[in-house]
Amino acid sequence: MSKSKTTRYLILAIILLLGVYWVVASASPVAEATYPNANFLISAAELKQRIAKEPLVVIDVRSDEYFDGKMIAGAIRLPWDKFRHDSVAENMGGLFVGIDKAQQILGEHGVFRNDKVVLYDSVARDGGATASYVFWVLDMLGHKEFMILERGIDGWMDVDGTIVNEPDQREPLLYQAPRAEIELRRWADEKFIYPRLGDPYYQIIDVRSQGEYLGEKLNTTLDKAPLKAGHIPGAYNINYELNWTNPETKAIKSYNELIDLYRGINPNHAVIVYCHSARRGSFGYFALRLIGFDDVMLYDNSWFGWGHPDRFYPVETTANTPSGTSLPAVTKKATGKVDKSMPSKADKEPQKSGQGPAGNKSGYISCGG
């Protein structure tokens, strides 16, 4: 065989190998990928290394009901429910205390604007799903460095981290977020959501159980009266518990697993997350931010607000499935900034008469009080 033929065969073989490699790489575009916002999650092993080398403000956010007296050495106590209040007049529970009060609470507990904050709860309550509410507050305030400890105090004990029985005390100070850095868009309400039903830019995720989502299991008002059955029209159901590898350890799924869970949700569009009172919703919010979604909002009133029997917002009992096929693989780190000038279809086009705000005539139940 001549040298020229040998060379041609060698080149052809290389081209074929490159083609096979490209096909495999295309089929698994996120192989070995890490979370785009990996700085939002810290393992106990990493915390153990960092806590000895740099100043971190570690915050135990467990409420008194779930606090067992065991704390990470040097941690302060700031129960997550201090950022919420019940409204007897509105018959709604777990409402956000507001921007000004939240900053006051942080300052009273010695949290400074430039602190590197680590938030933790426990496997019992609820694998990050209470720390995530404080995460949302800090994200909305534009805090610079903050993260959730995976598996909380349980993860810390698994790596033999030092445990104490008394919280650290920090001097009260002023926590003041510059107005330009506060992201109020991350806090959605009914007045924002209702005119945007049917707008393809706004995707809505209900993180409650399937029974709650379909109206088979009813949520209740503050005085235990039943709320409406169903979900916000057009909302998809992704149970917040599916963000864990399993319900026992409550470790966070890998990036590959999470993007598969949120397959079909467009990362370049806005996402509004809700549940019954925003606690579980905040965990969905955290998961989306972790995998790189930027324009994410928590509907704080959640089903307390939308499903209240005295309110006239439409509800739906049929399931919706994301129609998109793309994976939410975000290649650049989210900045925390959103394009507030993004035009809304609902703002531009009037609703057609005879249709609900989502333009869908099927699957609704009464929206009367």
Protein backbone atom coordinates (compact mmCIF):
# COMPACT_ATOMS: atom_id res chain seq x y z
CA MET A 1 0.00 0.00 0.00
CA SER A 2 1.42 3.40 -0.96
CA LYS A 3 2.18 6.04 1.62
CA SER A 4 -0.46 8.34 0.10
CA LYS A 5 -3.20 5.72 0.57
CA THR A 6 -2.08 5.02 4.13
CA THR A 7 -2.20 8.71 4.91
CA ARG A 8 -5.69 9.06 3.42
CA TYR A 9 -6.98 6.09 5.46
CA LEU A 10 -5.44 7.53 8.60
CA ILE A 11 -7.07 10.90 7.99
CA LEU A 12 -10.42 9.19 7.28
CA ALA A 13 -10.14 7.21 10.54
CA ILE A 14 -9.43 10.37 12.49
CA ILE A 15 -12.41 12.11 10.91
CA LEU A 16 -14.66 9.16 11.79
CA LEU A 17 -13.42 9.15 15.40
CA LEU A 18 -14.04 12.88 15.67
CA GLY A 19 -17.55 12.34 14.29
CA VAL A 20 -18.29 9.68 16.90
CA TYR A 21 -16.93 11.94 19.64
CA TRP A 22 -19.13 14.82 18.43
CA VAL A 23 -22.24 12.63 18.41
CA VAL A 24 -21.57 11.41 21.96
CA ALA A 25 -20.82 14.93 23.16
CA SER A 26 -24.00 16.24 21.53
CA ALA A 27 -26.11 13.58 23.17
CA SER A 28 -24.71 14.49 26.60
CA PRO A 29 -24.11 18.25 26.46
CA VAL A 30 -23.88 18.62 30.23
CA ALA A 31 -21.79 15.53 31.06
CA GLU A 32 -19.77 16.14 34.21
CA ALA A 33 -21.31 19.62 34.43
CA THR A 34 -21.60 21.57 37.66
CA TYR A 35 -24.30 24.00 38.71
CA PRO A 36 -23.92 27.36 36.91
CA ASN A 37 -24.53 29.04 40.29
CA ALA A 38 -22.56 26.52 42.34
CA ASN A 39 -21.67 29.34 44.76
CA PHE A 40 -25.26 29.12 46.07
CA LEU A 41 -24.70 25.65 47.58
CA ILE A 42 -21.97 24.48 49.94
CA SER A 43 -21.26 20.99 51.22
CA ALA A 44 -20.47 20.33 54.86
CA ALA A 45 -16.97 19.18 53.92
CA GLU A 46 -16.29 22.43 52.07
CA LEU A 47 -17.74 24.50 54.90
CA LYS A 48 -15.48 22.72 57.38
CA GLN A 49 -12.46 23.77 55.33
CA ARG A 50 -13.57 27.33 54.66
CA ILE A 51 -14.83 28.17 58.13
CA ALA A 52 -11.29 27.84 59.48
CA LYS A 53 -9.81 30.10 56.81
CA GLU A 54 -12.23 32.95 56.15
CA PRO A 55 -14.88 34.98 57.97
CA LEU A 56 -18.27 33.42 57.38
CA VAL A 57 -21.56 34.29 59.06
CA VAL A 58 -23.26 30.95 59.61
CA ILE A 59 -26.98 31.22 60.39
CA ASP A 60 -29.19 28.53 61.91
CA VAL A 61 -32.62 29.35 60.48
CA ARG A 62 -34.60 26.54 62.14
CA SER A 63 -37.77 27.62 63.91
CA ASP A 64 -38.13 26.87 67.61
CA GLU A 65 -40.34 23.90 66.78
CA TYR A 66 -37.54 22.16 64.90
CA PHE A 67 -34.55 23.40 66.91
CA ASP A 68 -32.84 20.63 68.92
CA GLY A 69 -30.20 22.77 70.65
CA LYS A 70 -27.33 21.49 68.48
CA MET A 71 -25.61 24.19 66.45
CA ILE A 72 -22.59 24.65 64.24
CA ALA A 73 -19.84 26.27 66.30
CA GLY A 74 -19.89 30.04 65.77
CA ALA A 75 -23.37 30.09 64.20
CA ILE A 76 -26.03 32.61 65.14
CA ARG A 77 -29.74 31.85 65.46
CA LEU A 78 -32.16 33.60 63.16
CA PRO A 79 -35.35 31.55 62.72
CA TRP A 80 -36.64 31.83 59.18
CA ASP A 81 -40.20 32.53 60.32
CA LYS A 82 -39.13 35.91 61.72
CA PHE A 83 -39.38 37.07 58.10
CA ARG A 84 -43.06 36.09 57.98
CA HIS A 85 -46.28 37.08 59.70
CA ASP A 86 -49.90 35.97 59.74
CA SER A 87 -52.71 38.32 58.75
CA VAL A 88 -55.90 37.57 60.66
CA ALA A 89 -57.74 40.30 58.74
CA GLU A 90 -56.89 38.71 55.38
CA ASN A 91 -57.20 35.14 56.76
CA MET A 92 -53.77 34.37 55.28
CA GLY A 93 -50.63 32.98 56.88
CA GLY A 94 -46.90 33.14 56.28
CA LEU A 95 -46.72 36.51 54.54
CA PHE A 96 -43.39 38.24 53.95
CA VAL A 97 -42.74 41.05 56.45
CA GLY A 98 -41.48 43.40 53.73
CA ILE A 99 -38.16 44.86 52.61
CA ASP A 100 -37.71 47.39 55.42
CA LYS A 101 -38.56 44.96 58.21
CA ALA A 102 -36.36 42.25 56.70
CA GLN A 103 -33.37 44.58 56.71
CA GLN A 104 -34.13 45.55 60.30
CA ILE A 105 -34.19 41.87 61.33
CA LEU A 106 -30.88 41.16 59.61
CA GLY A 107 -29.26 44.18 61.25
CA GLU A 108 -30.57 43.27 64.70
CA HIS A 109 -28.90 39.90 64.38
CA GLY A 110 -25.57 41.41 63.35
CA VAL A 111 -25.68 40.54 59.67
CA PHE A 112 -23.79 43.08 57.57
CA ARG A 113 -24.30 43.84 53.90
CA ASN A 114 -20.87 42.48 52.90
CA ASP A 115 -20.93 39.34 55.05
CA LYS A 116 -20.47 35.94 53.45
CA VAL A 117 -23.58 34.17 54.72
CA VAL A 118 -24.18 30.43 55.08
CA LEU A 119 -27.77 29.39 55.81
CA TYR A 120 -28.73 26.03 57.24
CA ASP A 121 -31.68 24.10 58.60
CA SER A 122 -31.99 20.32 58.96
CA VAL A 123 -33.13 17.18 57.20
CA ALA A 124 -36.19 17.17 59.44
CA ARG A 125 -37.14 20.68 58.32
CA ASP A 126 -36.75 20.46 55.48
CA GLY A 127 -33.56 19.74 53.61
CA GLY A 128 -33.06 23.39 52.68
CA ALA A 129 -36.72 24.29 52.26
CA THR A 130 -36.70 26.78 55.12
CA ALA A 131 -33.17 28.09 54.56
CA SER A 132 -34.34 28.74 51.00
CA TYR A 133 -36.87 31.31 52.21
CA VAL A 134 -34.08 33.39 53.77
CA PHE A 135 -32.07 32.74 50.60
CA TRP A 136 -34.89 34.36 48.63
CA VAL A 137 -34.92 37.36 50.99
CA LEU A 138 -31.17 37.88 50.57
CA ASP A 139 -31.40 37.38 46.81
CA MET A 140 -34.12 40.02 46.63
CA LEU A 141 -32.02 42.39 48.71
CA GLY A 142 -29.12 41.93 46.31
CA HIS A 143 -26.83 40.48 48.99
CA LYS A 144 -23.46 39.65 47.47
CA GLU A 145 -22.41 36.28 48.90
CA PHE A 146 -24.80 33.79 50.42
CA MET A 147 -25.33 30.06 50.18
CA ILE A 148 -27.24 27.12 51.62
CA LEU A 149 -25.50 24.30 53.50
CA GLU A 150 -26.56 21.04 51.90
CA ARG A 151 -28.39 18.80 54.39
CA GLY A 152 -27.92 21.45 57.08
CA ILE A 153 -26.94 20.43 60.60
CA ASP A 154 -27.19 16.75 59.62
CA GLY A 155 -24.57 17.17 56.92
CA TRP A 156 -22.34 19.03 59.38
CA MET A 157 -22.53 16.20 61.92
CA ASP A 158 -21.79 13.66 59.17
CA VAL A 159 -18.35 15.26 58.69
CA ASP A 160 -17.76 15.49 62.46
CA GLY A 161 -18.07 19.26 62.51
CA THR A 162 -17.87 20.96 65.89
CA ILE A 163 -21.25 21.17 67.64
CA VAL A 164 -22.16 23.65 70.39
CA ASN A 165 -25.30 24.26 72.44
CA GLU A 166 -25.29 28.06 72.48
CA PRO A 167 -25.54 30.46 69.54
CA ASP A 168 -22.91 33.05 68.83
CA GLN A 169 -23.89 36.66 69.50
CA ARG A 170 -23.11 39.48 67.11
CA GLU A 171 -23.41 43.20 67.72
CA PRO A 172 -26.51 44.78 66.14
CA LEU A 173 -25.77 47.06 63.20
CA LEU A 174 -27.44 48.71 60.25
CA TYR A 175 -28.24 46.52 57.29
CA GLN A 176 -29.02 48.82 54.39
CA ALA A 177 -29.33 47.59 50.82
CA PRO A 178 -28.84 50.32 48.20
CA ARG A 179 -32.15 50.93 46.48
CA ALA A 180 -30.66 50.25 43.06
CA GLU A 181 -29.56 46.76 44.18
CA ILE A 182 -32.93 45.62 45.56
CA GLU A 183 -34.64 43.26 43.12
CA LEU A 184 -38.33 43.74 43.89
CA ARG A 185 -39.17 41.85 40.71
CA ARG A 186 -38.27 38.65 42.58
CA TRP A 187 -41.37 39.20 44.75
CA ALA A 188 -44.52 38.50 42.71
CA ASP A 189 -48.14 39.10 43.69
CA GLU A 190 -51.59 38.61 42.20
CA LYS A 191 -51.66 42.00 40.50
CA PHE A 192 -48.48 41.10 38.65
CA ILE A 193 -49.45 37.53 37.75
CA TYR A 194 -53.10 37.89 36.70
CA PRO A 195 -52.62 40.11 33.60
CA ARG A 196 -49.74 37.87 32.47
CA LEU A 197 -51.66 34.60 32.38
CA GLY A 198 -51.19 33.21 28.89
CA ASP A 199 -48.09 35.30 28.22
CA PRO A 200 -45.50 32.77 26.98
CA TYR A 201 -42.66 34.74 28.57
CA TYR A 202 -43.99 33.95 32.05
CA GLN A 203 -43.84 30.30 33.09
CA ILE A 204 -45.55 29.30 36.35
CA ILE A 205 -44.48 26.34 38.49
CA ASP A 206 -46.64 24.93 41.28
CA VAL A 207 -44.35 22.98 43.63
CA ARG A 208 -47.11 21.46 45.77
CA SER A 209 -48.01 17.78 45.71
CA GLN A 210 -49.90 16.43 42.73
CA GLY A 211 -53.02 16.08 44.88
CA GLU A 212 -52.95 19.76 45.82
CA TYR A 213 -52.19 20.77 42.24
CA LEU A 214 -55.11 18.81 40.80
CA GLY A 215 -57.51 19.93 43.52
CA GLU A 216 -57.83 16.47 45.07
CA LYS A 217 -56.31 17.68 48.33
CA LEU A 218 -57.41 21.06 49.64
CA ASN A 219 -55.24 23.70 51.28
CA THR A 220 -56.85 25.80 54.00
CA THR A 221 -57.06 29.41 55.11
CA LEU A 222 -55.53 30.65 58.34
CA ASP A 223 -58.71 29.65 60.22
CA LYS A 224 -58.67 26.22 58.52
CA ALA A 225 -61.50 26.89 56.06
CA PRO A 226 -60.90 25.24 52.65
CA LEU A 227 -59.27 27.20 49.88
CA LYS A 228 -60.30 26.67 46.25
CA ALA A 229 -59.35 23.40 44.59
CA GLY A 230 -56.79 23.41 41.79
CA HIS A 231 -53.96 25.60 40.56
CA ILE A 232 -53.20 28.80 38.68
CA PRO A 233 -54.24 28.39 35.02
CA GLY A 234 -51.32 27.28 32.90
CA ALA A 235 -49.11 26.31 35.84
CA TYR A 236 -46.90 23.23 35.66
CA ASN A 237 -46.50 20.88 38.62
CA ILE A 238 -42.94 20.07 39.77
CA ASN A 239 -43.12 18.88 43.37
CA TYR A 240 -40.44 20.56 45.48
CA GLU A 241 -39.44 17.18 46.94
CA LEU A 242 -38.20 16.10 43.50
CA ASN A 243 -35.19 18.42 43.93
CA TRP A 244 -33.76 15.90 46.42
CA THR A 245 -31.96 12.69 45.52
CA ASN A 246 -34.27 10.94 48.00
CA PRO A 247 -36.62 11.98 50.82
CA GLU A 248 -34.47 10.40 53.54
CA THR A 249 -31.11 12.13 53.06
CA LYS A 250 -32.51 15.18 51.25
CA ALA A 251 -29.29 15.85 49.38
CA ILE A 252 -29.69 18.11 46.34
CA LYS A 253 -29.78 16.39 42.98
CA SER A 254 -26.88 16.84 40.60
CA TYR A 255 -27.00 19.47 37.87
CA ASN A 256 -27.69 16.80 35.25
CA GLU A 257 -30.60 15.45 37.29
CA LEU A 258 -32.05 18.89 37.95
CA ILE A 259 -31.99 20.01 34.34
CA ASP A 260 -33.77 16.79 33.46
CA LEU A 261 -36.37 17.55 36.13
CA TYR A 262 -36.95 21.02 34.67
CA ARG A 263 -36.77 19.88 31.05
CA GLY A 264 -39.01 22.05 28.87
CA ILE A 265 -38.85 25.11 31.15
CA ASN A 266 -37.21 27.88 29.13
CA PRO A 267 -34.22 29.37 31.04
CA ASN A 268 -34.40 32.52 28.93
CA HIS A 269 -37.94 33.31 30.09
CA ALA A 270 -39.30 34.28 33.49
CA VAL A 271 -40.43 31.67 36.01
CA ILE A 272 -42.91 32.32 38.83
CA VAL A 273 -42.89 29.74 41.63
CA TYR A 274 -45.55 29.17 44.27
CA CYS A 275 -47.01 26.65 46.73
CA HIS A 276 -49.46 27.14 49.63
CA SER A 277 -47.54 29.67 51.73
CA ALA A 278 -44.23 30.16 49.82
CA ARG A 279 -42.02 27.94 52.01
CA ARG A 280 -41.93 25.07 49.53
CA GLY A 281 -42.05 27.59 46.70
CA SER A 282 -38.85 29.18 47.95
CA PHE A 283 -37.09 25.83 47.61
CA GLY A 284 -38.18 25.61 43.98
CA TYR A 285 -36.93 29.18 43.60
CA PHE A 286 -33.55 28.16 45.04
CA ALA A 287 -33.23 25.12 42.76
CA LEU A 288 -33.91 27.23 39.67
CA ARG A 289 -31.38 29.86 40.73
CA LEU A 290 -28.84 27.12 41.44
CA ILE A 291 -29.07 25.72 37.91
CA GLY A 292 -28.67 29.15 36.36
CA PHE A 293 -32.16 30.59 35.89
CA ASP A 294 -32.01 34.34 36.31
CA ASP A 295 -35.48 35.87 36.00
CA VAL A 296 -37.11 33.88 38.82
CA MET A 297 -39.88 35.17 41.09
CA LEU A 298 -41.51 33.81 44.23
CA TYR A 299 -45.24 34.34 44.54
CA ASP A 300 -45.19 34.94 48.29
CA ASN A 301 -48.95 34.88 48.89
CA SER A 302 -49.10 31.62 46.93
CA TRP A 303 -52.33 29.62 47.24
CA PHE A 304 -53.30 31.57 50.36
CA GLY A 305 -53.74 34.51 48.03
CA TRP A 306 -54.83 32.98 44.71
CA GLY A 307 -57.11 30.28 46.08
CA HIS A 308 -58.78 32.38 48.77
CA PRO A 309 -62.56 31.86 48.58
CA ASP A 310 -63.17 35.62 48.85
CA ARG A 311 -61.01 36.38 45.82
CA PHE A 312 -62.04 36.06 42.19
CA TYR A 313 -58.93 34.65 40.55
CA PRO A 314 -59.52 31.78 38.09
CA VAL A 315 -58.35 28.29 38.92
CA GLU A 316 -57.77 25.15 36.89
CA THR A 317 -57.87 21.45 37.74
CA THR A 318 -56.37 19.92 34.59
CA ALA A 319 -52.66 19.16 34.44
CA ASN A 320 -50.27 21.05 32.17
CA THR A 321 -47.02 19.75 30.72
CA PRO A 322 -44.19 21.97 29.46
CA SER A 323 -44.26 21.92 25.68
CA GLY A 324 -40.63 22.91 25.23
CA THR A 325 -37.95 20.34 24.51
CA SER A 326 -34.79 22.24 25.36
CA LEU A 327 -32.84 21.55 28.50
CA PRO A 328 -32.36 24.49 30.87
CA ALA A 329 -28.60 24.34 30.36
CA VAL A 330 -27.39 27.86 31.08
CA THR A 331 -23.77 28.29 30.06
CA LYS A 332 -23.00 31.59 31.72
CA LYS A 333 -23.28 32.48 35.37
CA ALA A 334 -26.46 34.36 36.20
CA THR A 335 -25.81 37.89 37.36
CA GLY A 336 -28.88 38.37 39.52
CA LYS A 337 -29.98 41.22 37.26
CA VAL A 338 -33.05 41.03 35.10
CA ASP A 339 -34.20 42.98 32.09
CA LYS A 340 -37.03 44.97 33.61
CA SER A 341 -37.84 46.37 30.18
CA MET A 342 -38.85 42.96 28.85
CA PRO A 343 -42.12 43.53 27.00
CA SER A 344 -45.10 41.54 28.17
CA LYS A 345 -47.62 40.17 25.71
CA ALA A 346 -50.33 40.70 28.31
CA ASP A 347 -49.39 44.36 28.56
CA LYS A 348 -49.69 44.81 24.81
CA GLU A 349 -52.70 42.79 23.79
CA PRO A 350 -56.20 43.13 25.28
CA GLN A 351 -57.96 39.94 26.32
CA LYS A 352 -60.49 38.56 23.87
CA SER A 353 -64.00 38.62 25.18
CA GLY A 354 -65.46 35.32 26.30
CA GLN A 355 -62.10 33.91 27.38
CA GLY A 356 -60.30 33.71 30.69
CA PRO A 357 -57.01 35.54 31.09
CA ALA A 358 -55.09 32.52 29.86
CA GLY A 359 -57.21 32.22 26.71
CA ASN A 360 -58.21 28.69 27.72
CA LYS A 361 -61.87 27.69 28.02
CA SER A 362 -61.29 24.18 29.42
CA GLY A 363 -60.28 22.94 32.82
CA TYR A 364 -61.56 25.85 34.92
CA ILE A 365 -63.72 25.71 37.96
CA SER A 366 -65.61 28.63 39.40
CA CYS A 367 -63.48 31.65 40.22
CA GLY A 368 -66.19 33.27 42.32
CA GLY A 369 -65.84 34.05 45.99
